[in-house]
Amino acid sequence: MAHLLITDRRDGSQRQVVVDRARFVIGKKPSCQLTLDRTNISREHCEIVSTDGGYRIRDLNSRNGTFINNKKIDGEAPIADGAVIQLGDFTLLFGIEPESPEAGGGAQPQEPAVRSQEAKPPAPAAAKPKVPGRQEQRCTPPELKRKIHDMLISDLDLRHVDLSKVPSREVRRRTEKVIENIINKVADEMPVWLSNKALVKEVADEALGLGPIEALLADEEVDEIMVNGWSRVYVEKHGKIELTDKRFTDDRQVMEVIRRILAPIGRRVDESSPMVDARLSDGSRVNAIIPPLSLSGPVVTIRKFASNPFTIRDLINFGTLTPQVAAYLKLCVESRRNVVISGGTGSGKTTLLNVLSGYVPHDERIVTIEDTAELKLPQEHVVSLESKPPNIENKGAIPIRQLVINSLRMRPDRIVVGECRGAEALDMLQAMNTGHDGSLTTIHANSPRDCLSRLETLVLMAGMELPSHAIRGQIASAINMMVQIARQSDGKRRVTSVTEIAGMEQDVITLQEVFKFEQTGVGRRGEVIGTHKSTGSIPTFVHDFRKRGHEIDMNMFAQA
């Protein structure tokens, strides 16, 4: 006979049910043989089916999927004794046992009609008897982890250790050794399906790292991690969002991870300041928002950055741009053209900005200004500035605008602003117009024309009552080139337009598109099909390239 040991990971409670039907349906619907009433469980989530050769589990087109031993099944899969089924907030341990004889009867136990090959044989008569009630007294996984944490704090005495002088690998090695000893002490309380190695890693990640998302941070295929409360963790892979099987223990663990991220950079988050931007040691961008603003519990969003920054060759291989577009943008940066990169959220603006900034000559002084430091430039002479949020008394904030103004006194050859999103746009334009040619920045906009409108709006936020004609004149004289980048329907980031600002005609800024991405269709798998093309327009400042000693292949501007 088969049975399920059900663990509710939200409150740690357990119960056991017998799989007593050939078709045993599990879901939120009251008519199911096993009802699990949670929002992340579908009405009919999955079913366990008895077959001649054992048991199989079928996913019934559930919203969040059915997982066997941490792997999502596709359609259906066989299950054996000891298999761990994960459904939303619940863990189901599947077991198959031979039927026991009737109490007081002398008949031998009958072999079950269906039995897994992995089913455990009956314990021999000489085996050590089980302690009565052990199953009921055994700690559930959340309780077990808390117990191990408490023992770890007392056993791992760090009071007399200077962690700044101990390599992080050595700290982790010592911690894992202590955890292994603790697990040996509580071996009788370990669930049969939980491996020692997995528990050691999980507890060490929670004690020293970022808990369940530590493995996701190490996964190079993951571009973004989204924690929607303790029970739901999503990732973005190859431009597509998917739900993972990672879970936190509770909201307190999520809050502890947030505080661990903020501690090294001196920022905080609490009810009086429930939103915060931060960064990890590798430069990955972090945003956290907590109750009362978030109704889903603590929410964390991590935009990962590659340990080795992308190069222009990587972007070409990804199809973001072509060698011709890359060569032209390189000329623009080297010849000190002012460039604005525009695009939507997550379109790759900062990545492209980082790549283009790498073309700045190494003998020039660069000042970077960001809300959260993300840029990693290869040059040696780089000064990085980061804005400062207000303190607990809501005082002492240093916005980007003040940093832009201050940077003008730091003798910069180039100013790189991570993103213009407020009044600093006016000061950035002023810098571009007063001898700091070759500066770069990014801005949120859906097209080159939208970028100009947004810039004009941001300048007005500075509180200067300037007429629209004057603002547009500043924009037209300050910015030479706009690069539009977008994340398209197949998840890939592509440069969709490279546009020159050619001047003004009356009150209208004139634009001249040099390169564009032209979509020709959609493939069978939903991939966008298209090519980057030259429009045939030749930039007005092409002669300035030659004056600065740059060789130009005019064929790159030939219309395809």
Protein backbone atom coordinates (compact mmCIF):
# COMPACT_ATOMS: atom_id res chain seq x y z
CA MET A 1 0.00 0.00 0.00
CA ALA A 2 1.23 3.50 -0.82
CA HIS A 3 1.00 6.52 1.44
CA LEU A 4 1.97 10.19 1.47
CA LEU A 5 3.60 12.09 4.33
CA ILE A 6 2.52 15.71 3.74
CA THR A 7 4.60 18.58 5.16
CA ASP A 8 3.24 22.12 5.04
CA ARG A 9 6.40 24.24 4.66
CA ARG A 10 4.52 27.36 5.73
CA ASP A 11 3.73 26.25 9.29
CA GLY A 12 5.72 23.01 9.55
CA SER A 13 2.67 20.79 10.24
CA GLN A 14 2.57 17.19 9.02
CA ARG A 15 -0.10 14.59 8.28
CA GLN A 16 -0.24 11.25 6.52
CA VAL A 17 -2.77 9.87 4.03
CA VAL A 18 -3.12 6.52 2.31
CA VAL A 19 -3.19 6.33 -1.50
CA ASP A 20 -6.21 4.04 -1.58
CA ARG A 21 -7.44 4.48 -5.15
CA ALA A 22 -6.11 3.54 -8.58
CA ARG A 23 -6.51 7.21 -9.56
CA PHE A 24 -5.64 9.47 -6.62
CA VAL A 25 -6.21 13.16 -7.48
CA ILE A 26 -4.47 15.98 -5.55
CA GLY A 27 -5.58 19.60 -5.77
CA LYS A 28 -7.47 22.50 -4.22
CA LYS A 29 -10.88 21.20 -5.31
CA PRO A 30 -12.91 19.73 -2.39
CA SER A 31 -13.75 16.62 -4.42
CA CYS A 32 -10.07 15.65 -4.79
CA GLN A 33 -8.84 12.63 -2.84
CA LEU A 34 -6.23 14.93 -1.23
CA THR A 35 -7.25 18.58 -0.83
CA LEU A 36 -4.47 21.18 -0.45
CA ASP A 37 -6.17 24.55 -0.16
CA ARG A 38 -3.52 27.13 -1.14
CA THR A 39 -3.33 29.76 -3.88
CA ASN A 40 -0.29 28.10 -5.47
CA ILE A 41 -2.17 24.78 -5.84
CA SER A 42 -4.41 24.28 -8.89
CA ARG A 43 -7.96 22.96 -8.55
CA GLU A 44 -6.82 19.59 -9.91
CA HIS A 45 -3.05 19.81 -9.66
CA CYS A 46 -1.83 16.25 -10.28
CA GLU A 47 -2.78 12.60 -9.86
CA ILE A 48 -1.06 9.42 -8.72
CA VAL A 49 -2.00 6.40 -10.81
CA SER A 50 -1.46 2.76 -9.86
CA THR A 51 -0.13 0.65 -12.75
CA ASP A 52 0.92 -2.94 -13.14
CA GLY A 53 4.56 -2.00 -12.75
CA GLY A 54 4.28 0.47 -9.89
CA TYR A 55 3.06 4.05 -9.57
CA ARG A 56 3.17 7.09 -11.85
CA ILE A 57 2.35 10.74 -11.23
CA ARG A 58 0.74 12.99 -13.84
CA ASP A 59 0.61 16.76 -13.86
CA LEU A 60 -2.93 17.93 -14.72
CA ASN A 61 -1.86 21.14 -16.51
CA SER A 62 -1.27 22.84 -13.17
CA ARG A 63 -0.30 26.50 -13.09
CA ASN A 64 2.88 26.09 -11.03
CA GLY A 65 3.94 22.60 -12.07
CA THR A 66 4.67 19.35 -10.27
CA PHE A 67 8.20 18.62 -9.04
CA ILE A 68 9.80 15.25 -8.23
CA ASN A 69 13.06 15.46 -6.26
CA ASN A 70 13.44 19.15 -7.22
CA LYS A 71 12.91 18.47 -10.95
CA LYS A 72 9.78 19.61 -12.76
CA ILE A 73 8.05 16.76 -14.59
CA ASP A 74 6.87 17.08 -18.16
CA GLY A 75 3.46 15.40 -18.37
CA GLU A 76 4.03 12.34 -16.20
CA ALA A 77 6.82 10.41 -14.53
CA PRO A 78 7.29 7.22 -12.49
CA ILE A 79 7.58 7.52 -8.70
CA ALA A 80 9.28 5.07 -6.39
CA ASP A 81 9.45 4.57 -2.65
CA GLY A 82 11.11 7.60 -1.02
CA ALA A 83 10.32 10.03 -3.87
CA VAL A 84 9.78 13.63 -2.79
CA ILE A 85 6.89 15.44 -4.51
CA GLN A 86 6.80 19.24 -4.32
CA LEU A 87 3.52 21.08 -4.93
CA GLY A 88 3.44 24.79 -4.08
CA ASP A 89 3.83 25.17 -0.29
CA PHE A 90 3.73 21.40 0.32
CA THR A 91 6.28 18.58 0.31
CA LEU A 92 4.85 15.05 -0.10
CA LEU A 93 7.04 12.06 0.80
CA PHE A 94 5.82 9.04 -1.18
CA GLY A 95 6.19 5.64 0.48
CA ILE A 96 5.32 2.04 -0.37
CA GLU A 97 5.05 -0.53 2.41
CA PRO A 98 3.98 -4.18 2.48
CA GLU A 99 0.68 -4.88 4.17
CA SER A 100 1.09 -5.84 7.81
CA PRO A 101 -0.71 -8.91 9.28
CA GLU A 102 -3.84 -8.49 11.31
CA ALA A 103 -3.24 -7.81 14.99
CA GLY A 104 -3.04 -11.16 16.88
CA GLY A 105 -3.23 -13.17 13.65
CA GLY A 106 -0.57 -15.67 12.75
CA ALA A 107 -0.88 -15.41 8.97
CA GLN A 108 2.12 -14.19 7.02
CA PRO A 109 1.81 -10.74 5.39
CA GLN A 110 0.47 -10.79 1.87
CA GLU A 111 2.60 -9.34 -0.93
CA PRO A 112 0.91 -6.17 -2.22
CA ALA A 113 -0.59 -6.26 -5.68
CA VAL A 114 1.62 -3.38 -6.79
CA ARG A 115 5.04 -2.88 -5.27
CA SER A 116 7.97 -0.70 -6.32
CA GLN A 117 11.31 -2.42 -6.94
CA GLU A 118 12.83 0.05 -4.49
CA ALA A 119 10.34 -0.77 -1.73
CA LYS A 120 12.12 -1.40 1.55
CA PRO A 121 11.91 -5.01 2.89
CA PRO A 122 10.38 -5.61 6.30
CA ALA A 123 12.80 -5.03 9.16
CA PRO A 124 14.41 -8.29 10.40
CA ALA A 125 13.37 -9.60 13.77
CA ALA A 126 16.77 -8.76 15.29
CA ALA A 127 16.55 -5.11 14.27
CA LYS A 128 16.53 -2.47 16.99
CA PRO A 129 12.91 -1.66 17.86
CA LYS A 130 11.68 1.77 16.98
CA VAL A 131 11.02 4.27 19.70
CA PRO A 132 7.22 4.69 20.06
CA GLY A 133 6.01 7.99 18.72
CA ARG A 134 9.30 8.78 16.92
CA GLN A 135 7.41 9.75 13.75
CA GLU A 136 5.26 12.20 15.69
CA GLN A 137 8.21 13.63 17.66
CA ARG A 138 10.53 14.03 14.68
CA CYS A 139 11.28 17.68 13.80
CA THR A 140 9.86 18.97 10.57
CA PRO A 141 12.41 20.54 8.15
CA PRO A 142 11.74 24.17 9.24
CA GLU A 143 12.03 23.21 12.91
CA LEU A 144 15.11 21.13 12.20
CA LYS A 145 16.84 24.00 10.43
CA ARG A 146 16.07 26.39 13.27
CA LYS A 147 17.45 23.86 15.74
CA ILE A 148 20.65 23.47 13.71
CA HIS A 149 20.97 27.26 13.45
CA ASP A 150 20.70 27.62 17.23
CA MET A 151 23.31 24.92 17.78
CA LEU A 152 25.55 26.48 15.11
CA ILE A 153 25.53 29.85 16.89
CA SER A 154 26.65 28.26 20.15
CA ASP A 155 29.19 25.84 18.60
CA LEU A 156 30.75 28.26 16.08
CA ASP A 157 32.27 30.75 18.52
CA LEU A 158 33.38 33.72 16.40
CA ARG A 159 33.85 36.11 19.28
CA HIS A 160 37.60 35.51 19.38
CA VAL A 161 38.09 35.34 15.60
CA ASP A 162 38.95 38.37 13.44
CA LEU A 163 36.92 37.52 10.32
CA SER A 164 38.66 40.29 8.33
CA LYS A 165 41.87 38.24 8.55
CA VAL A 166 40.28 34.91 7.65
CA PRO A 167 39.62 34.12 3.95
CA SER A 168 35.92 33.65 3.14
CA ARG A 169 36.59 30.11 1.88
CA GLU A 170 38.17 29.19 5.21
CA VAL A 171 35.19 30.64 7.11
CA ARG A 172 32.81 28.56 5.01
CA ARG A 173 34.95 25.43 5.43
CA ARG A 174 34.94 25.80 9.21
CA THR A 175 31.20 26.49 9.24
CA GLU A 176 30.38 23.43 7.12
CA LYS A 177 32.53 21.25 9.38
CA VAL A 178 30.61 22.44 12.46
CA ILE A 179 27.26 21.87 10.65
CA GLU A 180 28.28 18.31 9.75
CA ASN A 181 29.03 17.57 13.42
CA ILE A 182 25.67 19.05 14.44
CA ILE A 183 23.79 16.97 11.86
CA ASN A 184 25.42 13.83 13.23
CA LYS A 185 24.04 14.75 16.66
CA VAL A 186 20.47 15.16 15.35
CA ALA A 187 20.58 12.29 12.86
CA ASP A 188 17.55 10.63 14.46
CA GLU A 189 15.44 13.70 13.69
CA MET A 190 16.39 13.85 10.01
CA PRO A 191 13.64 13.08 7.47
CA VAL A 192 14.53 10.00 5.45
CA TRP A 193 14.42 11.94 2.20
CA LEU A 194 16.81 14.72 3.26
CA SER A 195 20.49 14.19 2.44
CA ASN A 196 23.20 15.39 4.81
CA LYS A 197 25.12 17.11 2.01
CA ALA A 198 22.08 19.11 0.87
CA LEU A 199 21.27 20.18 4.42
CA VAL A 200 24.89 21.25 5.10
CA LYS A 201 24.87 23.45 1.99
CA GLU A 202 21.43 24.89 2.75
CA VAL A 203 22.28 25.83 6.35
CA ALA A 204 25.70 27.23 5.35
CA ASP A 205 24.09 29.35 2.61
CA GLU A 206 21.62 30.74 5.14
CA ALA A 207 24.30 31.38 7.76
CA LEU A 208 26.93 32.96 5.48
CA GLY A 209 25.24 33.75 2.18
CA LEU A 210 21.83 34.62 0.79
CA GLY A 211 19.99 31.42 1.61
CA PRO A 212 17.91 29.69 -1.11
CA ILE A 213 18.92 32.19 -3.80
CA GLU A 214 22.65 31.58 -3.32
CA ALA A 215 22.60 28.84 -5.98
CA LEU A 216 20.68 31.11 -8.39
CA LEU A 217 23.33 33.81 -8.02
CA ALA A 218 25.96 31.26 -9.05
CA ASP A 219 23.94 30.11 -12.09
CA GLU A 220 25.37 31.93 -15.12
CA GLU A 221 22.16 31.36 -17.10
CA VAL A 222 20.10 33.42 -14.62
CA ASP A 223 19.88 37.11 -15.53
CA GLU A 224 17.44 38.25 -12.87
CA ILE A 225 16.10 36.89 -9.57
CA MET A 226 12.67 37.94 -8.28
CA VAL A 227 11.61 37.01 -4.74
CA ASN A 228 7.86 37.56 -4.29
CA GLY A 229 7.57 36.90 -0.59
CA TRP A 230 9.09 33.84 1.11
CA SER A 231 7.30 31.17 -0.93
CA ARG A 232 7.73 32.23 -4.56
CA VAL A 233 11.07 32.80 -6.31
CA TYR A 234 11.16 33.54 -10.04
CA VAL A 235 14.15 33.88 -12.36
CA GLU A 236 14.72 35.23 -15.82
CA LYS A 237 16.66 32.96 -18.17
CA HIS A 238 17.34 33.90 -21.78
CA GLY A 239 14.78 36.68 -21.53
CA LYS A 240 11.99 34.43 -20.21
CA ILE A 241 10.58 34.37 -16.66
CA GLU A 242 10.02 31.04 -14.90
CA LEU A 243 9.08 29.88 -11.39
CA THR A 244 11.75 27.98 -9.44
CA ASP A 245 11.42 25.41 -6.67
CA LYS A 246 13.42 27.60 -4.26
CA ARG A 247 11.66 28.69 -1.07
CA PHE A 248 12.56 30.64 2.03
CA THR A 249 11.52 29.38 5.47
CA ASP A 250 9.43 32.47 6.23
CA ASP A 251 9.37 36.25 5.81
CA ARG A 252 11.90 36.67 8.61
CA GLN A 253 14.49 34.80 6.57
CA VAL A 254 13.86 37.09 3.57
CA MET A 255 14.31 40.14 5.81
CA GLU A 256 17.56 38.70 7.15
CA VAL A 257 18.86 38.27 3.59
CA ILE A 258 17.92 41.88 2.76
CA ARG A 259 19.74 43.18 5.84
CA ARG A 260 22.78 41.07 4.96
CA ILE A 261 22.87 42.69 1.50
CA LEU A 262 22.53 46.21 2.90
CA ALA A 263 25.01 45.93 5.79
CA PRO A 264 28.27 46.29 3.77
CA ILE A 265 27.09 49.48 2.01
CA GLY A 266 25.59 51.16 5.06
CA ARG A 267 21.98 51.27 3.92
CA ARG A 268 18.86 50.24 5.80
CA VAL A 269 15.27 49.16 5.33
CA ASP A 270 12.46 49.29 7.91
CA GLU A 271 8.88 50.49 8.26
CA SER A 272 9.99 54.13 8.16
CA SER A 273 12.06 53.52 5.02
CA PRO A 274 10.50 50.47 3.32
CA MET A 275 12.22 50.83 -0.08
CA VAL A 276 15.92 50.60 -0.85
CA ASP A 277 18.34 50.19 -3.77
CA ALA A 278 21.62 48.40 -3.18
CA ARG A 279 24.25 46.28 -4.88
CA LEU A 280 26.07 43.03 -4.28
CA SER A 281 29.84 42.72 -4.17
CA ASP A 282 29.89 41.67 -7.85
CA GLY A 283 27.98 44.81 -8.88
CA SER A 284 24.57 43.14 -9.26
CA ARG A 285 21.73 45.61 -8.69
CA VAL A 286 19.32 44.94 -5.82
CA ASN A 287 15.93 46.50 -5.07
CA ALA A 288 13.95 45.62 -1.96
CA ILE A 289 10.51 46.72 -0.83
CA ILE A 290 8.84 45.48 2.36
CA PRO A 291 5.49 45.81 4.15
CA PRO A 292 3.48 47.95 4.63
CA LEU A 293 4.14 49.01 1.01
CA SER A 294 4.33 45.41 -0.23
CA LEU A 295 1.24 43.30 0.37
CA SER A 296 3.10 40.12 -0.68
CA GLY A 297 5.67 40.25 2.09
CA PRO A 298 9.30 41.30 1.49
CA VAL A 299 10.01 41.53 -2.26
CA VAL A 300 13.56 41.44 -3.61
CA THR A 301 14.64 41.95 -7.21
CA ILE A 302 18.25 41.26 -8.19
CA ARG A 303 19.56 42.25 -11.63
CA LYS A 304 22.66 40.13 -12.05
CA PHE A 305 25.82 41.26 -13.78
CA ALA A 306 28.27 38.85 -15.34
CA SER A 307 31.41 38.18 -13.30
CA ASN A 308 33.32 38.99 -16.48
CA PRO A 309 31.72 42.07 -18.09
CA PHE A 310 30.43 41.62 -21.61
CA THR A 311 32.58 42.85 -24.47
CA ILE A 312 31.51 44.20 -27.85
CA ARG A 313 32.33 40.78 -29.30
CA ASP A 314 29.82 39.19 -26.90
CA LEU A 315 27.09 41.63 -27.97
CA ILE A 316 27.79 40.85 -31.62
CA ASN A 317 27.55 37.11 -30.91
CA PHE A 318 24.26 37.67 -29.05
CA GLY A 319 22.87 39.50 -32.10
CA THR A 320 22.50 42.77 -30.17
CA LEU A 321 24.29 44.62 -32.96
CA THR A 322 26.45 43.96 -36.02
CA PRO A 323 30.19 44.56 -36.55
CA GLN A 324 29.33 47.61 -38.69
CA VAL A 325 27.19 49.19 -35.97
CA ALA A 326 29.86 48.37 -33.37
CA ALA A 327 32.58 49.98 -35.51
CA TYR A 328 30.51 53.14 -35.91
CA LEU A 329 29.75 53.44 -32.18
CA LYS A 330 33.45 52.93 -31.45
CA LEU A 331 34.25 55.86 -33.76
CA CYS A 332 31.63 58.01 -31.99
CA VAL A 333 33.14 57.38 -28.55
CA GLU A 334 36.77 57.76 -29.64
CA SER A 335 36.01 61.03 -31.48
CA ARG A 336 34.30 62.45 -28.37
CA ARG A 337 30.70 62.41 -29.55
CA ASN A 338 28.10 62.80 -26.77
CA VAL A 339 25.98 59.62 -26.75
CA VAL A 340 22.66 58.87 -25.04
CA ILE A 341 21.49 55.25 -24.76
CA SER A 342 17.73 54.92 -24.41
CA GLY A 343 15.48 51.94 -23.86
CA GLY A 344 12.95 50.32 -21.57
CA THR A 345 13.49 48.60 -18.23
CA GLY A 346 15.72 45.54 -18.56
CA SER A 347 16.58 46.29 -22.18
CA GLY A 348 20.35 46.27 -21.60
CA LYS A 349 21.11 50.00 -21.38
CA THR A 350 23.67 49.70 -18.58
CA THR A 351 25.40 46.74 -20.26
CA LEU A 352 25.74 48.68 -23.52
CA LEU A 353 26.90 51.79 -21.62
CA ASN A 354 29.59 49.72 -19.91
CA VAL A 355 30.79 48.34 -23.26
CA LEU A 356 30.87 51.73 -25.00
CA SER A 357 32.64 53.35 -22.03
CA GLY A 358 35.42 50.83 -22.57
CA TYR A 359 36.31 52.64 -25.82
CA VAL A 360 37.35 55.80 -23.95
CA PRO A 361 41.16 56.16 -24.31
CA HIS A 362 43.14 55.09 -21.25
CA ASP A 363 44.88 58.46 -20.96
CA GLU A 364 41.62 60.30 -20.18
CA ARG A 365 40.12 60.92 -16.72
CA ILE A 366 36.62 59.44 -16.37
CA VAL A 367 34.11 60.29 -13.63
CA THR A 368 31.16 57.88 -13.31
CA ILE A 369 28.02 58.93 -11.41
CA GLU A 370 25.33 56.43 -10.44
CA ASP A 371 22.51 55.86 -7.97
CA THR A 372 23.89 52.38 -7.34
CA ALA A 373 27.41 51.70 -8.59
CA GLU A 374 27.20 49.14 -11.43
CA LEU A 375 29.68 50.22 -14.09
CA LYS A 376 32.94 48.30 -14.36
CA LEU A 377 35.30 50.16 -16.67
CA PRO A 378 38.64 48.66 -17.76
CA GLN A 379 40.50 51.98 -17.64
CA GLU A 380 42.74 52.79 -14.68
CA HIS A 381 41.93 56.50 -14.32
CA VAL A 382 38.29 56.16 -13.23
CA VAL A 383 36.62 57.96 -10.32
CA SER A 384 33.31 56.36 -9.28
CA LEU A 385 30.69 58.41 -7.42
CA GLU A 386 27.48 57.07 -5.89
CA SER A 387 24.47 59.00 -4.61
CA LYS A 388 23.57 58.82 -0.92
CA PRO A 389 20.06 58.19 0.42
CA PRO A 390 18.74 60.09 3.46
CA ASN A 391 19.57 58.88 6.95
CA ILE A 392 17.10 57.70 9.59
CA GLU A 393 16.14 61.34 10.25
CA ASN A 394 15.44 61.84 6.52
CA LYS A 395 18.47 64.12 6.23
CA GLY A 396 21.83 64.02 4.52
CA ALA A 397 20.69 62.82 1.07
CA ILE A 398 23.12 63.53 -1.80
CA PRO A 399 21.26 63.17 -5.13
CA ILE A 400 22.87 62.56 -8.50
CA ARG A 401 22.40 66.21 -9.48
CA GLN A 402 24.78 67.39 -6.77
CA LEU A 403 27.33 64.80 -7.86
CA VAL A 404 27.12 65.96 -11.49
CA ILE A 405 27.70 69.57 -10.37
CA ASN A 406 30.59 68.48 -8.14
CA SER A 407 32.15 66.37 -10.90
CA LEU A 408 32.71 69.51 -12.99
CA ARG A 409 35.24 70.60 -10.35
CA MET A 410 37.11 67.28 -10.55
CA ARG A 411 38.77 67.98 -13.92
CA PRO A 412 36.99 65.17 -15.84
CA ASP A 413 37.69 64.45 -19.50
CA ARG A 414 34.51 62.38 -19.68
CA ILE A 415 31.44 62.21 -17.48
CA VAL A 416 29.43 59.00 -17.48
CA VAL A 417 26.03 59.20 -15.74
CA GLY A 418 24.51 55.77 -15.14
CA GLU A 419 20.99 57.06 -15.73
CA CYS A 420 19.35 60.47 -16.04
CA ARG A 421 16.01 60.28 -14.26
CA GLY A 422 15.56 63.74 -12.75
CA ALA A 423 16.83 67.29 -12.56
CA GLU A 424 20.42 66.13 -13.19
CA ALA A 425 19.52 66.04 -16.90
CA LEU A 426 19.94 69.83 -17.08
CA ASP A 427 23.40 69.71 -15.50
CA MET A 428 24.40 66.83 -17.76
CA LEU A 429 23.44 68.85 -20.84
CA GLN A 430 25.36 71.84 -19.47
CA ALA A 431 28.45 69.67 -18.99
CA MET A 432 28.21 68.33 -22.53
CA ASN A 433 27.99 71.91 -23.81
CA THR A 434 30.91 73.24 -21.77
CA GLY A 435 33.95 71.25 -22.79
CA HIS A 436 33.15 67.74 -21.59
CA ASP A 437 32.66 66.23 -25.03
CA GLY A 438 32.39 62.47 -25.26
CA SER A 439 30.15 62.09 -22.23
CA LEU A 440 27.66 59.22 -22.05
CA THR A 441 24.42 58.51 -20.19
CA THR A 442 21.25 56.41 -20.37
CA ILE A 443 17.58 57.30 -20.15
CA HIS A 444 14.27 55.42 -20.09
CA ALA A 445 12.47 55.88 -23.41
CA ASN A 446 10.78 53.72 -26.04
CA SER A 447 12.08 55.51 -29.15
CA PRO A 448 14.58 58.24 -30.12
CA ARG A 449 11.79 60.81 -30.41
CA ASP A 450 10.41 59.77 -26.99
CA CYS A 451 13.92 60.15 -25.61
CA LEU A 452 13.97 63.82 -26.63
CA SER A 453 10.56 64.44 -25.06
CA ARG A 454 11.62 62.77 -21.83
CA LEU A 455 14.85 64.78 -21.70
CA GLU A 456 12.85 67.97 -22.07
CA THR A 457 10.55 66.89 -19.23
CA LEU A 458 13.49 66.04 -16.98
CA VAL A 459 15.08 69.43 -17.58
CA LEU A 460 11.84 71.10 -16.48
CA MET A 461 12.07 69.11 -13.23
CA ALA A 462 15.14 71.20 -12.33
CA GLY A 463 12.78 74.07 -11.53
CA MET A 464 14.23 76.40 -14.14
CA GLU A 465 11.46 78.16 -16.04
CA LEU A 466 13.09 77.77 -19.42
CA PRO A 467 11.10 78.02 -22.66
CA SER A 468 10.78 74.86 -24.72
CA HIS A 469 12.80 76.40 -27.56
CA ALA A 470 15.76 77.03 -25.26
CA ILE A 471 15.63 73.52 -23.82
CA ARG A 472 15.49 71.92 -27.26
CA GLY A 473 18.38 74.10 -28.37
CA GLN A 474 20.43 72.82 -25.43
CA ILE A 475 19.55 69.22 -26.31
CA ALA A 476 20.33 69.64 -30.02
CA SER A 477 23.73 71.21 -29.35
CA ALA A 478 24.71 68.86 -26.52
CA ILE A 479 23.77 65.40 -27.82
CA ASN A 480 25.24 64.01 -31.03
CA MET A 481 24.00 60.43 -31.12
CA MET A 482 21.16 58.36 -29.64
CA VAL A 483 21.27 54.57 -29.46
CA GLN A 484 17.93 52.86 -28.95
CA ILE A 485 18.01 49.35 -27.45
CA ALA A 486 15.04 47.07 -26.73
CA ARG A 487 14.22 43.66 -25.32
CA GLN A 488 12.13 42.03 -28.00
CA SER A 489 9.42 39.38 -27.80
CA ASP A 490 11.92 36.48 -27.96
CA GLY A 491 13.76 37.83 -24.92
CA LYS A 492 16.83 39.02 -26.83
CA ARG A 493 18.19 42.54 -26.50
CA ARG A 494 18.87 44.33 -29.77
CA VAL A 495 19.97 47.78 -30.83
CA THR A 496 16.95 48.87 -32.84
CA SER A 497 18.11 52.31 -33.97
CA VAL A 498 21.24 54.46 -34.12
CA THR A 499 20.11 58.05 -34.70
CA GLU A 500 22.03 61.29 -35.14
CA ILE A 501 20.71 64.63 -33.90
CA ALA A 502 21.28 66.78 -36.99
CA GLY A 503 20.19 70.16 -35.55
CA MET A 504 16.99 72.17 -35.31
CA GLU A 505 14.42 73.45 -37.76
CA GLN A 506 12.42 76.16 -36.06
CA ASP A 507 11.26 74.51 -32.79
CA VAL A 508 11.73 70.90 -33.91
CA ILE A 509 14.88 68.84 -33.35
CA THR A 510 15.77 67.05 -36.58
CA LEU A 511 16.82 63.41 -36.44
CA GLN A 512 18.71 61.31 -38.98
CA GLU A 513 18.66 57.54 -38.56
CA VAL A 514 21.96 55.92 -39.53
CA PHE A 515 21.27 52.26 -38.68
CA LYS A 516 18.09 50.41 -37.85
CA PHE A 517 16.92 46.89 -37.04
CA GLU A 518 14.29 45.65 -39.48
CA GLN A 519 12.17 42.69 -38.39
CA THR A 520 11.14 40.36 -41.20
CA GLY A 521 9.19 37.72 -39.30
CA VAL A 522 8.94 35.32 -36.38
CA GLY A 523 10.43 31.81 -36.29
CA ARG A 524 8.76 28.57 -35.24
CA ARG A 525 9.99 28.93 -31.67
CA GLY A 526 8.90 32.54 -31.42
CA GLU A 527 12.34 33.98 -32.19
CA VAL A 528 12.43 37.37 -33.90
CA ILE A 529 13.90 37.25 -37.40
CA GLY A 530 15.44 40.39 -38.85
CA THR A 531 18.63 42.23 -39.72
CA HIS A 532 20.45 45.46 -38.90
CA LYS A 533 20.59 47.72 -41.94
CA SER A 534 22.16 50.98 -42.89
CA THR A 535 19.65 53.61 -44.00
CA GLY A 536 22.09 55.19 -46.45
CA SER A 537 22.34 58.42 -44.41
CA ILE A 538 25.85 59.70 -43.74
CA PRO A 539 26.39 61.42 -40.37
CA THR A 540 27.05 65.15 -40.58
CA PHE A 541 30.15 64.86 -38.39
CA VAL A 542 31.84 62.14 -40.48
CA HIS A 543 34.53 64.62 -41.57
CA ASP A 544 35.35 65.28 -37.94
CA PHE A 545 36.31 61.62 -37.68
CA ARG A 546 39.00 62.13 -40.31
CA LYS A 547 40.25 65.30 -38.63
CA ARG A 548 40.89 63.27 -35.49
CA GLY A 549 42.89 60.73 -37.49
CA HIS A 550 40.30 57.95 -37.67
CA GLU A 551 40.09 55.86 -40.82
CA ILE A 552 36.49 55.43 -42.02
CA ASP A 553 35.09 52.75 -44.27
CA MET A 554 32.29 54.64 -45.99
CA ASN A 555 30.81 51.33 -47.16
CA MET A 556 29.31 50.90 -43.69
CA PHE A 557 26.83 53.67 -44.55
CA ALA A 558 25.83 52.14 -47.90
CA GLN A 559 22.12 51.35 -47.98
CA ALA A 560 21.47 47.59 -47.98
